Amino acid sequence: MRGVTGRGRLGGVLITSRPLDEYCVFFGLSRARLSALPGPVLDCPGGASGLVAEARALGCRVVAADPAYARPTAELLAAAERSRQAMAAAMPADPAHHPAPRHRPYDKYLRSWDRARALFAADRAAHPGSYLAARLPELPFADGSFALTLSSYLLFAYPERFGPDEQFEALLELVRVTAADGEVLVHPLHDGAGHRCPHLAQLRRALGERGVHSELRTAREPGDGRRRWSMRLTHYQKQREGQRNGGRIRPSAGKSGTEASSPATVR
């Protein structure tokens, strides 16, 4: 998140409390589409969001995976509250990188985080099996477990933690656990300072060589019309067993590529 400090971090990653509505904006989703999915959804990382609880009310099963779930709920909630405070300070201090308050008042936006955080706490207590402590690129799920896989504010948001090779392996893992007719959606494609991934074209080419089709998508922010970029990954062909440890990406300062390039089971 642009302009947000590390006060709410656990393991070097911010713990945020985003509601379902924010996921829909990021990924171009709708409640109707989620409720019609033929299988479960993976949210990786899940943080302290309200997605699992809100999707359950729609009849959609979501499994959240995050290494932070190895910690007690109280510790996650404290980190999420610190992230909320950091966001409250960042929005008025850096308005160029946040939606204008006339379209989305800051206090209303932050209240949506408060509600999502409360939903997370209650849902984790009631359904602990929906929140699994797991870390990319080694997820404890069988191949093709999910109809839809979502990953937000992780792989490209923290380039100091996820270099090109780590991003590549993590994206392959997200594809592996997604059904052959499903899709992986990743957002954002920039770091915390708003700098777009400089080796995205090379990364997409390497994914293509491993049977993964990638497509860049854009959605308009409600109200002020700002564009949000995400990447959609689908199978060209079924991944072969044993292909997970090859391929390396060389960083480059070049521009990104074109718009398009050519019940969960624990294993």
C-alpha atoms as a PDB file:
ATOM      1  CA  MET A   1       0.000   0.000   0.000  1.00  0.00           C
ATOM      2  CA  ARG A   2       1.455   3.292  -1.041  1.00  0.00           C
ATOM      3  CA  GLY A   3       2.506   5.571   1.759  1.00  0.00           C
ATOM      4  CA  VAL A   4       1.680   3.087   4.520  1.00  0.00           C
ATOM      5  CA  THR A   5       4.468   2.371   7.000  1.00  0.00           C
ATOM      6  CA  GLY A   6       5.435  -1.004   8.423  1.00  0.00           C
ATOM      7  CA  ARG A   7       3.834  -0.576  11.863  1.00  0.00           C
ATOM      8  CA  GLY A   8       1.223  -3.238  11.154  1.00  0.00           C
ATOM      9  CA  ARG A   9       3.601  -5.856   9.788  1.00  0.00           C
ATOM     10  CA  LEU A  10       4.002  -9.462  10.855  1.00  0.00           C
ATOM     11  CA  GLY A  11       6.893 -11.288   9.238  1.00  0.00           C
ATOM     12  CA  GLY A  12       7.602  -8.194   7.157  1.00  0.00           C
ATOM     13  CA  VAL A  13       4.122  -8.084   5.544  1.00  0.00           C
ATOM     14  CA  LEU A  14       1.266  -5.750   6.461  1.00  0.00           C
ATOM     15  CA  ILE A  15      -1.812  -7.395   7.973  1.00  0.00           C
ATOM     16  CA  THR A  16      -4.848  -5.635   6.508  1.00  0.00           C
ATOM     17  CA  SER A  17      -8.610  -5.990   7.013  1.00  0.00           C
ATOM     18  CA  ARG A  18     -10.210  -5.630   3.606  1.00  0.00           C
ATOM     19  CA  PRO A  19     -13.910  -6.282   3.018  1.00  0.00           C
ATOM     20  CA  LEU A  20     -15.464  -8.258   0.175  1.00  0.00           C
ATOM     21  CA  ASP A  21     -16.345  -5.056  -1.677  1.00  0.00           C
ATOM     22  CA  GLU A  22     -12.661  -4.155  -1.922  1.00  0.00           C
ATOM     23  CA  TYR A  23     -11.804  -7.581  -3.329  1.00  0.00           C
ATOM     24  CA  CYS A  24     -14.501  -7.088  -5.954  1.00  0.00           C
ATOM     25  CA  VAL A  25     -12.916  -3.785  -6.981  1.00  0.00           C
ATOM     26  CA  PHE A  26      -9.397  -5.242  -7.129  1.00  0.00           C
ATOM     27  CA  PHE A  27     -10.309  -8.276  -9.192  1.00  0.00           C
ATOM     28  CA  GLY A  28     -13.409  -7.244 -11.136  1.00  0.00           C
ATOM     29  CA  LEU A  29     -15.569  -9.716  -9.215  1.00  0.00           C
ATOM     30  CA  SER A  30     -19.194  -9.615  -8.149  1.00  0.00           C
ATOM     31  CA  ARG A  31     -21.228 -11.344  -5.485  1.00  0.00           C
ATOM     32  CA  ALA A  32     -23.242 -13.093  -8.181  1.00  0.00           C
ATOM     33  CA  ARG A  33     -20.115 -14.525  -9.773  1.00  0.00           C
ATOM     34  CA  LEU A  34     -18.733 -15.736  -6.451  1.00  0.00           C
ATOM     35  CA  SER A  35     -21.987 -17.437  -5.520  1.00  0.00           C
ATOM     36  CA  ALA A  36     -22.050 -19.208  -8.916  1.00  0.00           C
ATOM     37  CA  LEU A  37     -18.517 -20.646  -8.759  1.00  0.00           C
ATOM     38  CA  PRO A  38     -18.381 -24.445  -9.195  1.00  0.00           C
ATOM     39  CA  GLY A  39     -15.787 -24.884  -6.438  1.00  0.00           C
ATOM     40  CA  PRO A  40     -14.005 -23.219  -3.525  1.00  0.00           C
ATOM     41  CA  VAL A  41     -11.868 -20.078  -3.562  1.00  0.00           C
ATOM     42  CA  LEU A  42      -8.365 -19.630  -2.187  1.00  0.00           C
ATOM     43  CA  ASP A  43      -7.336 -16.289  -0.679  1.00  0.00           C
ATOM     44  CA  CYS A  44      -3.548 -16.209  -0.322  1.00  0.00           C
ATOM     45  CA  PRO A  45      -2.579 -14.311   1.734  1.00  0.00           C
ATOM     46  CA  GLY A  46      -5.792 -13.845   3.683  1.00  0.00           C
ATOM     47  CA  GLY A  47      -4.628 -11.449   6.396  1.00  0.00           C
ATOM     48  CA  ALA A  48      -7.428 -10.252   8.687  1.00  0.00           C
ATOM     49  CA  SER A  49      -9.930  -9.707   5.882  1.00  0.00           C
ATOM     50  CA  GLY A  50     -13.641 -10.351   5.943  1.00  0.00           C
ATOM     51  CA  LEU A  51     -13.690 -12.294   2.653  1.00  0.00           C
ATOM     52  CA  VAL A  52     -14.134 -15.792   4.104  1.00  0.00           C
ATOM     53  CA  ALA A  53     -17.070 -14.739   6.285  1.00  0.00           C
ATOM     54  CA  GLU A  54     -18.780 -12.560   3.692  1.00  0.00           C
ATOM     55  CA  ALA A  55     -18.416 -15.154   0.938  1.00  0.00           C
ATOM     56  CA  ARG A  56     -19.834 -17.849   3.219  1.00  0.00           C
ATOM     57  CA  ALA A  57     -23.025 -15.800   3.487  1.00  0.00           C
ATOM     58  CA  LEU A  58     -23.264 -16.028  -0.320  1.00  0.00           C
ATOM     59  CA  GLY A  59     -22.897 -19.806  -0.291  1.00  0.00           C
ATOM     60  CA  CYS A  60     -19.299 -19.590  -1.534  1.00  0.00           C
ATOM     61  CA  ARG A  61     -16.580 -21.457   0.341  1.00  0.00           C
ATOM     62  CA  VAL A  62     -13.282 -19.587   0.740  1.00  0.00           C
ATOM     63  CA  VAL A  63     -10.119 -20.973   2.303  1.00  0.00           C
ATOM     64  CA  ALA A  64      -7.631 -18.353   3.507  1.00  0.00           C
ATOM     65  CA  ALA A  65      -3.928 -19.218   3.668  1.00  0.00           C
ATOM     66  CA  ASP A  66      -1.372 -17.027   5.411  1.00  0.00           C
ATOM     67  CA  PRO A  67       1.778 -17.752   7.438  1.00  0.00           C
ATOM     68  CA  ALA A  68       0.469 -15.235   9.976  1.00  0.00           C
ATOM     69  CA  TYR A  69      -2.249 -17.724  10.967  1.00  0.00           C
ATOM     70  CA  ALA A  70       0.365 -19.573  12.998  1.00  0.00           C
ATOM     71  CA  ARG A  71      -0.013 -16.674  15.459  1.00  0.00           C
ATOM     72  CA  PRO A  72      -2.892 -16.088  17.903  1.00  0.00           C
ATOM     73  CA  THR A  73      -5.885 -14.143  16.650  1.00  0.00           C
ATOM     74  CA  ALA A  74      -5.250 -11.362  19.163  1.00  0.00           C
ATOM     75  CA  GLU A  75      -1.808 -10.764  17.687  1.00  0.00           C
ATOM     76  CA  LEU A  76      -3.198 -10.592  14.148  1.00  0.00           C
ATOM     77  CA  LEU A  77      -5.925  -8.178  15.225  1.00  0.00           C
ATOM     78  CA  ALA A  78      -3.381  -5.917  16.913  1.00  0.00           C
ATOM     79  CA  ALA A  79      -1.261  -5.863  13.753  1.00  0.00           C
ATOM     80  CA  ALA A  80      -4.371  -5.168  11.643  1.00  0.00           C
ATOM     81  CA  GLU A  81      -5.326  -2.273  13.916  1.00  0.00           C
ATOM     82  CA  ARG A  82      -1.841  -0.793  13.490  1.00  0.00           C
ATOM     83  CA  SER A  83      -2.214  -1.110   9.714  1.00  0.00           C
ATOM     84  CA  ARG A  84      -5.545   0.673   9.950  1.00  0.00           C
ATOM     85  CA  GLN A  85      -3.950   3.517  11.892  1.00  0.00           C
ATOM     86  CA  ALA A  86      -1.147   3.737   9.334  1.00  0.00           C
ATOM     87  CA  MET A  87      -3.674   3.916   6.498  1.00  0.00           C
ATOM     88  CA  ALA A  88      -5.618   6.626   8.329  1.00  0.00           C
ATOM     89  CA  ALA A  89      -2.444   8.725   8.424  1.00  0.00           C
ATOM     90  CA  ALA A  90      -1.336   7.915   4.868  1.00  0.00           C
ATOM     91  CA  MET A  91      -4.532   8.823   2.999  1.00  0.00           C
ATOM     92  CA  PRO A  92      -4.651  12.565   3.825  1.00  0.00           C
ATOM     93  CA  ALA A  93      -0.833  12.820   3.767  1.00  0.00           C
ATOM     94  CA  ASP A  94      -0.557  11.314   0.258  1.00  0.00           C
ATOM     95  CA  PRO A  95      -3.888  12.008  -1.480  1.00  0.00           C
ATOM     96  CA  ALA A  96      -2.434  11.506  -4.972  1.00  0.00           C
ATOM     97  CA  HIS A  97      -2.144   7.784  -4.278  1.00  0.00           C
ATOM     98  CA  HIS A  98      -5.534   7.271  -2.663  1.00  0.00           C
ATOM     99  CA  PRO A  99      -9.113   7.773  -3.888  1.00  0.00           C
ATOM    100  CA  ALA A 100     -10.358  11.313  -3.351  1.00  0.00           C
ATOM    101  CA  PRO A 101     -12.423  11.646  -0.169  1.00  0.00           C
ATOM    102  CA  ARG A 102     -15.269  13.236  -2.107  1.00  0.00           C
ATOM    103  CA  HIS A 103     -15.760   9.844  -3.811  1.00  0.00           C
ATOM    104  CA  ARG A 104     -14.939   7.669  -0.805  1.00  0.00           C
ATOM    105  CA  PRO A 105     -14.733   9.482   2.534  1.00  0.00           C
ATOM    106  CA  TYR A 106     -11.755   8.326   4.527  1.00  0.00           C
ATOM    107  CA  ASP A 107     -13.759   7.596   7.665  1.00  0.00           C
ATOM    108  CA  LYS A 108     -16.278   5.494   5.736  1.00  0.00           C
ATOM    109  CA  TYR A 109     -13.477   3.522   4.082  1.00  0.00           C
ATOM    110  CA  LEU A 110     -11.756   2.866   7.414  1.00  0.00           C
ATOM    111  CA  ARG A 111     -15.030   1.760   8.993  1.00  0.00           C
ATOM    112  CA  SER A 112     -15.261  -0.904   6.280  1.00  0.00           C
ATOM    113  CA  TRP A 113     -11.886  -2.190   7.476  1.00  0.00           C
ATOM    114  CA  ASP A 114     -13.131  -2.178  11.076  1.00  0.00           C
ATOM    115  CA  ARG A 115     -16.157  -4.241  10.095  1.00  0.00           C
ATOM    116  CA  ALA A 116     -14.028  -6.684   8.085  1.00  0.00           C
ATOM    117  CA  ARG A 117     -11.624  -7.110  10.998  1.00  0.00           C
ATOM    118  CA  ALA A 118     -14.505  -7.920  13.352  1.00  0.00           C
ATOM    119  CA  LEU A 119     -15.925 -10.425  10.859  1.00  0.00           C
ATOM    120  CA  PHE A 120     -12.516 -12.077  10.569  1.00  0.00           C
ATOM    121  CA  ALA A 121     -12.170 -12.446  14.335  1.00  0.00           C
ATOM    122  CA  ALA A 122     -15.612 -13.984  14.756  1.00  0.00           C
ATOM    123  CA  ASP A 123     -15.305 -16.253  11.731  1.00  0.00           C
ATOM    124  CA  ARG A 124     -11.856 -17.560  12.639  1.00  0.00           C
ATOM    125  CA  ALA A 125     -13.175 -18.457  16.076  1.00  0.00           C
ATOM    126  CA  ALA A 126     -16.225 -20.219  14.619  1.00  0.00           C
ATOM    127  CA  HIS A 127     -14.526 -21.836  11.592  1.00  0.00           C
ATOM    128  CA  PRO A 128     -10.812 -22.235  12.322  1.00  0.00           C
ATOM    129  CA  GLY A 129     -10.427 -24.816   9.544  1.00  0.00           C
ATOM    130  CA  SER A 130     -10.997 -22.093   6.956  1.00  0.00           C
ATOM    131  CA  TYR A 131      -7.789 -20.306   8.003  1.00  0.00           C
ATOM    132  CA  LEU A 132      -4.613 -22.296   7.349  1.00  0.00           C
ATOM    133  CA  ALA A 133      -1.072 -21.283   8.248  1.00  0.00           C
ATOM    134  CA  ALA A 134       0.783 -21.740   4.947  1.00  0.00           C
ATOM    135  CA  ARG A 135       3.485 -19.937   3.020  1.00  0.00           C
ATOM    136  CA  LEU A 136       4.173 -19.620  -0.699  1.00  0.00           C
ATOM    137  CA  PRO A 137       5.599 -21.373  -2.656  1.00  0.00           C
ATOM    138  CA  GLU A 138       4.676 -24.507  -0.647  1.00  0.00           C
ATOM    139  CA  LEU A 139       0.900 -24.659  -0.152  1.00  0.00           C
ATOM    140  CA  PRO A 140      -0.676 -27.721   1.517  1.00  0.00           C
ATOM    141  CA  PHE A 141      -3.314 -28.311  -1.153  1.00  0.00           C
ATOM    142  CA  ALA A 142      -3.715 -30.915  -3.863  1.00  0.00           C
ATOM    143  CA  ASP A 143      -3.433 -29.953  -7.521  1.00  0.00           C
ATOM    144  CA  GLY A 144      -6.527 -28.250  -8.907  1.00  0.00           C
ATOM    145  CA  SER A 145      -8.237 -27.737  -5.545  1.00  0.00           C
ATOM    146  CA  PHE A 146      -9.746 -24.306  -6.243  1.00  0.00           C
ATOM    147  CA  ALA A 147     -12.054 -22.842  -8.860  1.00  0.00           C
ATOM    148  CA  LEU A 148     -10.628 -19.377  -8.212  1.00  0.00           C
ATOM    149  CA  THR A 149      -7.410 -18.265  -6.515  1.00  0.00           C
ATOM    150  CA  LEU A 150      -6.864 -14.684  -5.339  1.00  0.00           C
ATOM    151  CA  SER A 151      -3.601 -13.110  -4.230  1.00  0.00           C
ATOM    152  CA  SER A 152      -3.484  -9.439  -3.255  1.00  0.00           C
ATOM    153  CA  TYR A 153      -0.807  -7.122  -1.923  1.00  0.00           C
ATOM    154  CA  LEU A 154       1.987  -9.656  -1.662  1.00  0.00           C
ATOM    155  CA  LEU A 155       4.129 -10.858  -4.552  1.00  0.00           C
ATOM    156  CA  PHE A 156       4.731  -7.512  -6.278  1.00  0.00           C
ATOM    157  CA  ALA A 157       4.092  -5.282  -3.262  1.00  0.00           C
ATOM    158  CA  TYR A 158       7.226  -6.468  -1.428  1.00  0.00           C
ATOM    159  CA  PRO A 159      10.092  -6.761  -3.956  1.00  0.00           C
ATOM    160  CA  GLU A 160      12.572  -6.807  -1.078  1.00  0.00           C
ATOM    161  CA  ARG A 161      11.011 -10.113   0.039  1.00  0.00           C
ATOM    162  CA  PHE A 162       9.938 -11.555  -3.304  1.00  0.00           C
ATOM    163  CA  GLY A 163      12.559 -11.289  -6.036  1.00  0.00           C
ATOM    164  CA  PRO A 164      11.962 -12.471  -9.614  1.00  0.00           C
ATOM    165  CA  ASP A 165      12.639 -16.135  -8.861  1.00  0.00           C
ATOM    166  CA  GLU A 166      10.444 -16.120  -5.754  1.00  0.00           C
ATOM    167  CA  GLN A 167       7.624 -14.448  -7.676  1.00  0.00           C
ATOM    168  CA  PHE A 168       7.913 -17.032 -10.442  1.00  0.00           C
ATOM    169  CA  GLU A 169       7.805 -20.004  -8.073  1.00  0.00           C
ATOM    170  CA  ALA A 170       4.929 -18.516  -6.090  1.00  0.00           C
ATOM    171  CA  LEU A 171       2.844 -17.854  -9.206  1.00  0.00           C
ATOM    172  CA  LEU A 172       3.432 -21.420 -10.431  1.00  0.00           C
ATOM    173  CA  GLU A 173       2.278 -22.697  -7.056  1.00  0.00           C
ATOM    174  CA  LEU A 174      -0.907 -20.613  -7.189  1.00  0.00           C
ATOM    175  CA  VAL A 175      -1.626 -22.040 -10.643  1.00  0.00           C
ATOM    176  CA  ARG A 176      -0.888 -25.585  -9.468  1.00  0.00           C
ATOM    177  CA  VAL A 177      -3.581 -25.505  -6.768  1.00  0.00           C
ATOM    178  CA  THR A 178      -6.119 -23.987  -9.186  1.00  0.00           C
ATOM    179  CA  ALA A 179      -8.390 -26.155 -11.333  1.00  0.00           C
ATOM    180  CA  ALA A 180      -7.561 -26.590 -15.015  1.00  0.00           C
ATOM    181  CA  ASP A 181     -10.665 -24.570 -15.921  1.00  0.00           C
ATOM    182  CA  GLY A 182     -10.161 -22.047 -13.093  1.00  0.00           C
ATOM    183  CA  GLU A 183      -8.113 -18.881 -12.845  1.00  0.00           C
ATOM    184  CA  VAL A 184      -5.627 -17.069 -10.634  1.00  0.00           C
ATOM    185  CA  LEU A 185      -5.996 -13.311 -10.103  1.00  0.00           C
ATOM    186  CA  VAL A 186      -3.098 -11.249  -8.729  1.00  0.00           C
ATOM    187  CA  HIS A 187      -3.168  -7.594  -7.610  1.00  0.00           C
ATOM    188  CA  PRO A 188      -1.391  -5.183  -7.536  1.00  0.00           C
ATOM    189  CA  LEU A 189       1.464  -5.294 -10.049  1.00  0.00           C
ATOM    190  CA  HIS A 190       3.380  -2.479  -8.327  1.00  0.00           C
ATOM    191  CA  ASP A 191       5.326  -2.060  -5.115  1.00  0.00           C
ATOM    192  CA  GLY A 192       4.533   0.123  -2.122  1.00  0.00           C
ATOM    193  CA  ALA A 193       5.936   3.195  -3.861  1.00  0.00           C
ATOM    194  CA  GLY A 194       3.738   2.661  -6.927  1.00  0.00           C
ATOM    195  CA  HIS A 195       6.563   1.361  -9.154  1.00  0.00           C
ATOM    196  CA  ARG A 196       5.377  -1.283 -11.561  1.00  0.00           C
ATOM    197  CA  CYS A 197       7.276  -4.582 -11.631  1.00  0.00           C
ATOM    198  CA  PRO A 198      10.183  -3.954 -14.061  1.00  0.00           C
ATOM    199  CA  HIS A 199      10.563  -7.598 -15.133  1.00  0.00           C
ATOM    200  CA  LEU A 200       6.881  -8.404 -15.665  1.00  0.00           C
ATOM    201  CA  ALA A 201       7.363  -9.186 -19.362  1.00  0.00           C
ATOM    202  CA  GLN A 202      10.148 -11.674 -18.635  1.00  0.00           C
ATOM    203  CA  LEU A 203       8.105 -13.219 -15.858  1.00  0.00           C
ATOM    204  CA  ARG A 204       5.129 -13.704 -18.143  1.00  0.00           C
ATOM    205  CA  ARG A 205       7.297 -15.261 -20.858  1.00  0.00           C
ATOM    206  CA  ALA A 206       8.740 -17.727 -18.355  1.00  0.00           C
ATOM    207  CA  LEU A 207       5.244 -18.619 -17.156  1.00  0.00           C
ATOM    208  CA  GLY A 208       4.174 -19.185 -20.748  1.00  0.00           C
ATOM    209  CA  GLU A 209       7.039 -21.629 -21.210  1.00  0.00           C
ATOM    210  CA  ARG A 210       5.615 -23.591 -18.293  1.00  0.00           C
ATOM    211  CA  GLY A 211       2.117 -23.818 -19.740  1.00  0.00           C
ATOM    212  CA  VAL A 212       0.627 -20.789 -17.979  1.00  0.00           C
ATOM    213  CA  HIS A 213      -1.230 -18.130 -19.952  1.00  0.00           C
ATOM    214  CA  SER A 214      -1.116 -14.605 -18.510  1.00  0.00           C
ATOM    215  CA  GLU A 215      -3.302 -11.605 -19.229  1.00  0.00           C
ATOM    216  CA  LEU A 216      -3.140  -8.091 -17.831  1.00  0.00           C
ATOM    217  CA  ARG A 217      -6.447  -6.555 -16.849  1.00  0.00           C
ATOM    218  CA  THR A 218      -7.516  -3.127 -15.731  1.00  0.00           C
ATOM    219  CA  ALA A 219     -10.513  -1.992 -13.723  1.00  0.00           C
ATOM    220  CA  ARG A 220     -11.678   1.516 -12.922  1.00  0.00           C
ATOM    221  CA  GLU A 221     -11.826   2.669  -9.321  1.00  0.00           C
ATOM    222  CA  PRO A 222     -15.449   3.554  -8.487  1.00  0.00           C
ATOM    223  CA  GLY A 223     -15.938   7.298  -8.207  1.00  0.00           C
ATOM    224  CA  ASP A 224     -12.713   8.817  -9.517  1.00  0.00           C
ATOM    225  CA  GLY A 225     -12.087   6.324 -12.328  1.00  0.00           C
ATOM    226  CA  ARG A 226      -8.480   5.467 -11.465  1.00  0.00           C
ATOM    227  CA  ARG A 227      -7.179   2.333 -13.124  1.00  0.00           C
ATOM    228  CA  ARG A 228      -6.202  -0.725 -11.120  1.00  0.00           C
ATOM    229  CA  TRP A 229      -4.095  -3.381 -12.841  1.00  0.00           C
ATOM    230  CA  SER A 230      -4.245  -7.086 -12.119  1.00  0.00           C
ATOM    231  CA  MET A 231      -2.913 -10.221 -13.773  1.00  0.00           C
ATOM    232  CA  ARG A 232      -4.989 -13.263 -14.698  1.00  0.00           C
ATOM    233  CA  LEU A 233      -3.316 -16.659 -14.958  1.00  0.00           C
ATOM    234  CA  THR A 234      -4.850 -19.766 -16.509  1.00  0.00           C
ATOM    235  CA  HIS A 235      -3.587 -23.145 -17.667  1.00  0.00           C
ATOM    236  CA  TYR A 236      -2.421 -23.592 -21.246  1.00  0.00           C
ATOM    237  CA  GLN A 237      -2.174 -27.256 -20.360  1.00  0.00           C
ATOM    238  CA  LYS A 238      -2.121 -29.341 -17.231  1.00  0.00           C
ATOM    239  CA  GLN A 239       1.116 -28.855 -15.308  1.00  0.00           C
ATOM    240  CA  ARG A 240       3.335 -31.927 -15.226  1.00  0.00           C
ATOM    241  CA  GLU A 241       4.345 -33.400 -11.922  1.00  0.00           C
ATOM    242  CA  GLY A 242       7.891 -32.470 -10.980  1.00  0.00           C
ATOM    243  CA  GLN A 243       8.082 -29.224 -13.005  1.00  0.00           C
ATOM    244  CA  ARG A 244       8.029 -26.941  -9.994  1.00  0.00           C
ATOM    245  CA  ASN A 245      11.771 -26.395  -9.534  1.00  0.00           C
ATOM    246  CA  GLY A 246      12.966 -24.981 -12.839  1.00  0.00           C
ATOM    247  CA  GLY A 247      13.177 -21.665 -14.648  1.00  0.00           C
ATOM    248  CA  ARG A 248      14.836 -18.482 -13.432  1.00  0.00           C
ATOM    249  CA  ILE A 249      13.995 -14.873 -14.202  1.00  0.00           C
ATOM    250  CA  ARG A 250      16.574 -12.190 -14.835  1.00  0.00           C
ATOM    251  CA  PRO A 251      15.571  -8.743 -13.564  1.00  0.00           C
ATOM    252  CA  SER A 252      15.326  -6.027 -16.159  1.00  0.00           C
ATOM    253  CA  ALA A 253      14.448  -2.351 -16.198  1.00  0.00           C
ATOM    254  CA  GLY A 254      12.444  -2.820 -19.403  1.00  0.00           C
ATOM    255  CA  LYS A 255       8.736  -2.146 -19.824  1.00  0.00           C
ATOM    256  CA  SER A 256       6.090  -4.736 -19.180  1.00  0.00           C
ATOM    257  CA  GLY A 257       4.632  -6.896 -21.907  1.00  0.00           C
ATOM    258  CA  THR A 258       1.441  -6.622 -23.913  1.00  0.00           C
ATOM    259  CA  GLU A 259      -2.024  -6.990 -22.461  1.00  0.00           C
ATOM    260  CA  ALA A 260      -2.171 -10.724 -23.177  1.00  0.00           C
ATOM    261  CA  SER A 261       0.518 -13.327 -23.698  1.00  0.00           C
ATOM    262  CA  SER A 262       0.362 -16.124 -25.700  1.00  0.00           C
ATOM    263  CA  PRO A 263     -14.194 -28.527  -1.557  1.00  0.00           C
ATOM    264  CA  ALA A 264     -10.388 -27.822  -1.188  1.00  0.00           C
ATOM    265  CA  THR A 265      -8.225 -30.882  -0.607  1.00  0.00           C
ATOM    266  CA  VAL A 266      -5.241 -30.792   1.701  1.00  0.00           C
ATOM    267  CA  ARG A 267      -2.452 -32.917   0.336  1.00  0.00           C
END
